[in-house]
């Protein structure tokens, strides 16, 4: 889902817009703050300093396949293209884009490192597309809250938790009952 916010606001109060998993939002307004919370997911914040247009996406997995548009935005490559195209529609120029990435924590020990794969994808995508990565706060074990002011290109990231990765609790089946030598009839 892409939400576009148009220019010119008459109040000094900030408007916070939440970006959920699999969403992209773009704006050119100085009073808009786009915010999201990340664990192993990654958010990319893009900004065009000349057009003063910015946006953020929030993707769950580096790659995958889906048949419907809403599900496709869960994957990095689709989320990045949606973000770029939404910014171009608001007057941004691809060659002026600058990026920051956030998230990609390893939230659980013993599981595949989804966060690491999301970070690697974002870096590779930006390199391949020649979009400069001007900042990042990625990896670790803590969830993050990201706030991005798209009209100004300002980003802030705070760690929500910084505990060690939560260990996986493995259930051990109870031992089989000991035979006492008795015969039981049904």
C-alpha atoms as a PDB file:
ATOM      1  CA  UNK A   1       0.000   0.000   0.000  1.00  0.00           C
ATOM      2  CA  UNK A   2       1.425   3.381  -0.923  1.00  0.00           C
ATOM      3  CA  UNK A   3       0.134   6.555   0.618  1.00  0.00           C
ATOM      4  CA  UNK A   4       1.120   9.887  -0.867  1.00  0.00           C
ATOM      5  CA  UNK A   5       0.927  13.138   1.036  1.00  0.00           C
ATOM      6  CA  UNK A   6       0.896  16.372  -0.954  1.00  0.00           C
ATOM      7  CA  UNK A   7       2.594  19.667  -0.197  1.00  0.00           C
ATOM      8  CA  UNK A   8       1.693  22.597   2.029  1.00  0.00           C
ATOM      9  CA  UNK A   9       0.411  22.307   5.531  1.00  0.00           C
ATOM     10  CA  UNK A  10      -0.752  25.350   7.472  1.00  0.00           C
ATOM     11  CA  UNK A  11      -0.095  24.154  11.050  1.00  0.00           C
ATOM     12  CA  UNK A  12       3.112  23.777  13.029  1.00  0.00           C
ATOM     13  CA  UNK A  13       2.026  20.504  14.647  1.00  0.00           C
ATOM     14  CA  UNK A  14       3.625  17.334  13.391  1.00  0.00           C
ATOM     15  CA  UNK A  15       1.516  14.678  11.725  1.00  0.00           C
ATOM     16  CA  UNK A  16       2.683  11.154  12.498  1.00  0.00           C
ATOM     17  CA  UNK A  17       1.891   8.467   9.982  1.00  0.00           C
ATOM     18  CA  UNK A  18       2.615   4.858  10.870  1.00  0.00           C
ATOM     19  CA  UNK A  19       4.173   2.623   8.254  1.00  0.00           C
ATOM     20  CA  UNK A  20       3.190  -0.990   8.866  1.00  0.00           C
ATOM     21  CA  UNK A  21       4.869  -4.137   7.587  1.00  0.00           C
ATOM     22  CA  UNK A  22       4.685  -4.310   3.817  1.00  0.00           C
ATOM     23  CA  UNK A  23       3.823  -0.621   3.402  1.00  0.00           C
ATOM     24  CA  UNK A  24       5.460   2.351   1.704  1.00  0.00           C
ATOM     25  CA  UNK A  25       4.745   6.026   2.341  1.00  0.00           C
ATOM     26  CA  UNK A  26       6.060   9.102   0.534  1.00  0.00           C
ATOM     27  CA  UNK A  27       5.660  12.792   1.296  1.00  0.00           C
ATOM     28  CA  UNK A  28       7.069  16.223   0.514  1.00  0.00           C
ATOM     29  CA  UNK A  29       5.645  17.894   3.625  1.00  0.00           C
ATOM     30  CA  UNK A  30       7.938  19.257   6.336  1.00  0.00           C
ATOM     31  CA  UNK A  31       5.473  18.537   9.157  1.00  0.00           C
ATOM     32  CA  UNK A  32       5.015  14.825   8.386  1.00  0.00           C
ATOM     33  CA  UNK A  33       6.824  12.201  10.448  1.00  0.00           C
ATOM     34  CA  UNK A  34       6.733   8.676   9.079  1.00  0.00           C
ATOM     35  CA  UNK A  35       7.299   6.127  11.806  1.00  0.00           C
ATOM     36  CA  UNK A  36       7.723   2.372  12.018  1.00  0.00           C
ATOM     37  CA  UNK A  37       8.917  -0.294  14.451  1.00  0.00           C
ATOM     38  CA  UNK A  38      11.349  -2.951  13.232  1.00  0.00           C
ATOM     39  CA  UNK A  39      12.710  -6.247  14.457  1.00  0.00           C
ATOM     40  CA  UNK A  40      14.284  -8.406  11.754  1.00  0.00           C
ATOM     41  CA  UNK A  41      12.484  -6.324   9.102  1.00  0.00           C
ATOM     42  CA  UNK A  42      14.303  -3.497   7.335  1.00  0.00           C
ATOM     43  CA  UNK A  43      13.100  -0.002   6.511  1.00  0.00           C
ATOM     44  CA  UNK A  44      14.755   2.046   3.787  1.00  0.00           C
ATOM     45  CA  UNK A  45      14.412   5.836   3.914  1.00  0.00           C
ATOM     46  CA  UNK A  46      15.072   7.607   0.601  1.00  0.00           C
ATOM     47  CA  UNK A  47      15.388  11.363   0.134  1.00  0.00           C
ATOM     48  CA  UNK A  48      15.831  13.717  -2.817  1.00  0.00           C
ATOM     49  CA  UNK A  49      17.361  16.930  -1.387  1.00  0.00           C
ATOM     50  CA  UNK A  50      16.494  19.070  -4.433  1.00  0.00           C
ATOM     51  CA  UNK A  51      12.836  18.038  -4.814  1.00  0.00           C
ATOM     52  CA  UNK A  52      12.560  17.732  -0.984  1.00  0.00           C
ATOM     53  CA  UNK A  53      10.661  14.464  -1.328  1.00  0.00           C
ATOM     54  CA  UNK A  54      11.259  11.465   0.877  1.00  0.00           C
ATOM     55  CA  UNK A  55       9.773   8.129   1.677  1.00  0.00           C
ATOM     56  CA  UNK A  56      10.094   4.961   3.686  1.00  0.00           C
ATOM     57  CA  UNK A  57       9.282   1.315   3.145  1.00  0.00           C
ATOM     58  CA  UNK A  58       9.091  -1.588   5.592  1.00  0.00           C
ATOM     59  CA  UNK A  59       9.839  -5.031   4.196  1.00  0.00           C
ATOM     60  CA  UNK A  60       9.803  -8.382   5.965  1.00  0.00           C
ATOM     61  CA  UNK A  61      11.953 -10.596   3.770  1.00  0.00           C
ATOM     62  CA  UNK A  62      14.735 -10.004   1.275  1.00  0.00           C
ATOM     63  CA  UNK A  63      13.124 -12.059  -1.466  1.00  0.00           C
ATOM     64  CA  UNK A  64      10.239 -14.317  -2.270  1.00  0.00           C
ATOM     65  CA  UNK A  65       7.236 -14.646  -4.507  1.00  0.00           C
ATOM     66  CA  UNK A  66       3.608 -13.674  -4.175  1.00  0.00           C
ATOM     67  CA  UNK A  67       0.693 -13.461  -6.547  1.00  0.00           C
ATOM     68  CA  UNK A  68      -1.019 -10.348  -5.171  1.00  0.00           C
ATOM     69  CA  UNK A  69       0.333  -6.806  -4.940  1.00  0.00           C
ATOM     70  CA  UNK A  70      -0.232  -6.418  -1.205  1.00  0.00           C
ATOM     71  CA  UNK A  71       1.814  -9.534  -0.436  1.00  0.00           C
ATOM     72  CA  UNK A  72       4.579  -8.557  -2.861  1.00  0.00           C
ATOM     73  CA  UNK A  73       5.485  -5.495  -0.771  1.00  0.00           C
ATOM     74  CA  UNK A  74       6.644  -7.842   1.984  1.00  0.00           C
ATOM     75  CA  UNK A  75       9.703  -8.517  -0.178  1.00  0.00           C
ATOM     76  CA  UNK A  76      12.644  -6.158  -0.489  1.00  0.00           C
ATOM     77  CA  UNK A  77      13.002  -5.815  -4.252  1.00  0.00           C
ATOM     78  CA  UNK A  78       9.345  -4.964  -4.746  1.00  0.00           C
ATOM     79  CA  UNK A  79       9.243  -2.604  -1.735  1.00  0.00           C
ATOM     80  CA  UNK A  80      12.296  -0.716  -3.033  1.00  0.00           C
ATOM     81  CA  UNK A  81      10.807  -0.277  -6.510  1.00  0.00           C
ATOM     82  CA  UNK A  82       7.470   0.891  -5.075  1.00  0.00           C
ATOM     83  CA  UNK A  83       9.311   3.466  -2.958  1.00  0.00           C
ATOM     84  CA  UNK A  84      11.392   4.762  -5.865  1.00  0.00           C
ATOM     85  CA  UNK A  85       8.423   4.949  -8.246  1.00  0.00           C
ATOM     86  CA  UNK A  86       6.245   6.762  -5.679  1.00  0.00           C
ATOM     87  CA  UNK A  87       9.016   9.324  -5.150  1.00  0.00           C
ATOM     88  CA  UNK A  88       9.505   9.819  -8.904  1.00  0.00           C
ATOM     89  CA  UNK A  89       5.757  10.452  -9.215  1.00  0.00           C
ATOM     90  CA  UNK A  90       6.167  13.306  -6.704  1.00  0.00           C
ATOM     91  CA  UNK A  91       9.038  14.946  -8.606  1.00  0.00           C
ATOM     92  CA  UNK A  92      12.120  13.206  -7.207  1.00  0.00           C
ATOM     93  CA  UNK A  93      14.956  12.272  -9.522  1.00  0.00           C
ATOM     94  CA  UNK A  94      16.513   8.811  -9.278  1.00  0.00           C
ATOM     95  CA  UNK A  95      20.099  10.091  -9.635  1.00  0.00           C
ATOM     96  CA  UNK A  96      19.675  12.448  -6.631  1.00  0.00           C
ATOM     97  CA  UNK A  97      18.316   9.844  -4.202  1.00  0.00           C
ATOM     98  CA  UNK A  98      20.150   9.190  -0.964  1.00  0.00           C
ATOM     99  CA  UNK A  99      19.340   6.318   1.387  1.00  0.00           C
ATOM    100  CA  UNK A 100      19.454   5.256   5.009  1.00  0.00           C
ATOM    101  CA  UNK A 101      18.576   1.760   6.204  1.00  0.00           C
ATOM    102  CA  UNK A 102      17.416   0.569   9.612  1.00  0.00           C
ATOM    103  CA  UNK A 103      16.532  -2.708  11.313  1.00  0.00           C
ATOM    104  CA  UNK A 104      17.610  -6.229  10.498  1.00  0.00           C
ATOM    105  CA  UNK A 105      18.035  -7.376  14.101  1.00  0.00           C
ATOM    106  CA  UNK A 106      18.562 -10.994  14.988  1.00  0.00           C
ATOM    107  CA  UNK A 107      15.554 -11.451  17.232  1.00  0.00           C
ATOM    108  CA  UNK A 108      15.858 -15.181  18.027  1.00  0.00           C
ATOM    109  CA  UNK A 109      18.826 -17.473  18.481  1.00  0.00           C
ATOM    110  CA  UNK A 110      18.684 -20.765  16.658  1.00  0.00           C
ATOM    111  CA  UNK A 111      16.655 -19.499  13.698  1.00  0.00           C
ATOM    112  CA  UNK A 112      17.753 -18.440  10.237  1.00  0.00           C
ATOM    113  CA  UNK A 113      19.203 -14.903  10.300  1.00  0.00           C
ATOM    114  CA  UNK A 114      16.376 -13.135   8.460  1.00  0.00           C
ATOM    115  CA  UNK A 115      17.606  -9.716   9.600  1.00  0.00           C
ATOM    116  CA  UNK A 116      21.090 -10.337   8.196  1.00  0.00           C
ATOM    117  CA  UNK A 117      19.621 -11.389   4.845  1.00  0.00           C
ATOM    118  CA  UNK A 118      17.439  -8.239   4.795  1.00  0.00           C
ATOM    119  CA  UNK A 119      20.460  -6.012   5.486  1.00  0.00           C
ATOM    120  CA  UNK A 120      22.567  -7.720   2.813  1.00  0.00           C
ATOM    121  CA  UNK A 121      19.756  -7.308   0.291  1.00  0.00           C
ATOM    122  CA  UNK A 122      19.360  -3.572   1.046  1.00  0.00           C
ATOM    123  CA  UNK A 123      23.075  -2.891   0.698  1.00  0.00           C
ATOM    124  CA  UNK A 124      23.310  -4.897  -2.525  1.00  0.00           C
ATOM    125  CA  UNK A 125      20.236  -3.182  -4.004  1.00  0.00           C
ATOM    126  CA  UNK A 126      21.600   0.286  -3.232  1.00  0.00           C
ATOM    127  CA  UNK A 127      25.000  -0.578  -4.702  1.00  0.00           C
ATOM    128  CA  UNK A 128      23.445  -2.065  -7.850  1.00  0.00           C
ATOM    129  CA  UNK A 129      21.142   0.956  -8.291  1.00  0.00           C
ATOM    130  CA  UNK A 130      23.946   3.446  -7.492  1.00  0.00           C
ATOM    131  CA  UNK A 131      21.974   5.036  -4.669  1.00  0.00           C
ATOM    132  CA  UNK A 132      24.376   6.300  -1.982  1.00  0.00           C
ATOM    133  CA  UNK A 133      23.908   4.795   1.486  1.00  0.00           C
ATOM    134  CA  UNK A 134      24.488   7.808   3.748  1.00  0.00           C
ATOM    135  CA  UNK A 135      23.567   6.186   7.064  1.00  0.00           C
ATOM    136  CA  UNK A 136      22.460   3.004   8.720  1.00  0.00           C
ATOM    137  CA  UNK A 137      21.564   1.527  12.083  1.00  0.00           C
ATOM    138  CA  UNK A 138      21.281  -2.212  11.450  1.00  0.00           C
ATOM    139  CA  UNK A 139      21.907  -5.616  12.993  1.00  0.00           C
ATOM    140  CA  UNK A 140      22.247  -6.398  16.670  1.00  0.00           C
ATOM    141  CA  UNK A 141      19.500  -7.938  18.762  1.00  0.00           C
ATOM    142  CA  UNK A 142      17.279  -4.977  19.591  1.00  0.00           C
ATOM    143  CA  UNK A 143      14.063  -3.819  17.989  1.00  0.00           C
ATOM    144  CA  UNK A 144      14.077  -0.255  16.663  1.00  0.00           C
ATOM    145  CA  UNK A 145      11.659   2.652  16.317  1.00  0.00           C
ATOM    146  CA  UNK A 146      12.401   4.775  13.250  1.00  0.00           C
ATOM    147  CA  UNK A 147      11.090   8.296  12.691  1.00  0.00           C
ATOM    148  CA  UNK A 148      11.653   9.910   9.299  1.00  0.00           C
ATOM    149  CA  UNK A 149      10.777  13.446   8.222  1.00  0.00           C
ATOM    150  CA  UNK A 150      10.523  12.928   4.464  1.00  0.00           C
ATOM    151  CA  UNK A 151      10.239  16.591   3.482  1.00  0.00           C
ATOM    152  CA  UNK A 152      13.544  17.326   5.247  1.00  0.00           C
ATOM    153  CA  UNK A 153      15.374  14.015   4.896  1.00  0.00           C
ATOM    154  CA  UNK A 154      15.917  13.734   8.653  1.00  0.00           C
ATOM    155  CA  UNK A 155      15.867  10.341  10.349  1.00  0.00           C
ATOM    156  CA  UNK A 156      16.055   9.203  13.952  1.00  0.00           C
ATOM    157  CA  UNK A 157      16.357   5.649  15.182  1.00  0.00           C
ATOM    158  CA  UNK A 158      16.010   4.452  18.760  1.00  0.00           C
ATOM    159  CA  UNK A 159      16.615   0.956  20.061  1.00  0.00           C
ATOM    160  CA  UNK A 160      13.447  -0.270  21.760  1.00  0.00           C
ATOM    161  CA  UNK A 161      15.123  -3.220  23.472  1.00  0.00           C
ATOM    162  CA  UNK A 162      18.723  -4.243  23.547  1.00  0.00           C
ATOM    163  CA  UNK A 163      18.584  -7.544  25.353  1.00  0.00           C
ATOM    164  CA  UNK A 164      20.461 -10.528  24.041  1.00  0.00           C
ATOM    165  CA  UNK A 165      18.575 -12.555  21.498  1.00  0.00           C
ATOM    166  CA  UNK A 166      15.781 -14.538  23.090  1.00  0.00           C
ATOM    167  CA  UNK A 167      16.784 -18.189  23.280  1.00  0.00           C
ATOM    168  CA  UNK A 168      14.607 -20.765  21.618  1.00  0.00           C
ATOM    169  CA  UNK A 169      12.681 -22.873  24.106  1.00  0.00           C
ATOM    170  CA  UNK A 170      12.771 -26.467  22.982  1.00  0.00           C
ATOM    171  CA  UNK A 171      10.150 -28.816  24.314  1.00  0.00           C
ATOM    172  CA  UNK A 172      11.553 -32.119  25.487  1.00  0.00           C
ATOM    173  CA  UNK A 173       9.042 -34.965  25.327  1.00  0.00           C
ATOM    174  CA  UNK A 174       8.461 -36.775  28.604  1.00  0.00           C
ATOM    175  CA  UNK A 175      10.251 -40.093  28.913  1.00  0.00           C
ATOM    176  CA  UNK A 176       8.183 -43.145  27.999  1.00  0.00           C
ATOM    177  CA  UNK A 177       6.560 -44.860  30.972  1.00  0.00           C
ATOM    178  CA  UNK A 178       8.576 -47.606  32.577  1.00  0.00           C
ATOM    179  CA  UNK A 179       7.160 -51.094  32.131  1.00  0.00           C
ATOM    180  CA  UNK A 180       6.237 -52.776  35.397  1.00  0.00           C
ATOM    181  CA  UNK A 181       5.593 -56.122  33.782  1.00  0.00           C
ATOM    182  CA  UNK A 182       1.822 -55.950  34.258  1.00  0.00           C
ATOM    183  CA  UNK A 183      -0.520 -56.852  31.416  1.00  0.00           C
ATOM    184  CA  UNK A 184      -3.307 -54.412  30.649  1.00  0.00           C
ATOM    185  CA  UNK A 185      -6.448 -55.450  28.755  1.00  0.00           C
ATOM    186  CA  UNK A 186      -8.583 -53.009  26.771  1.00  0.00           C
END
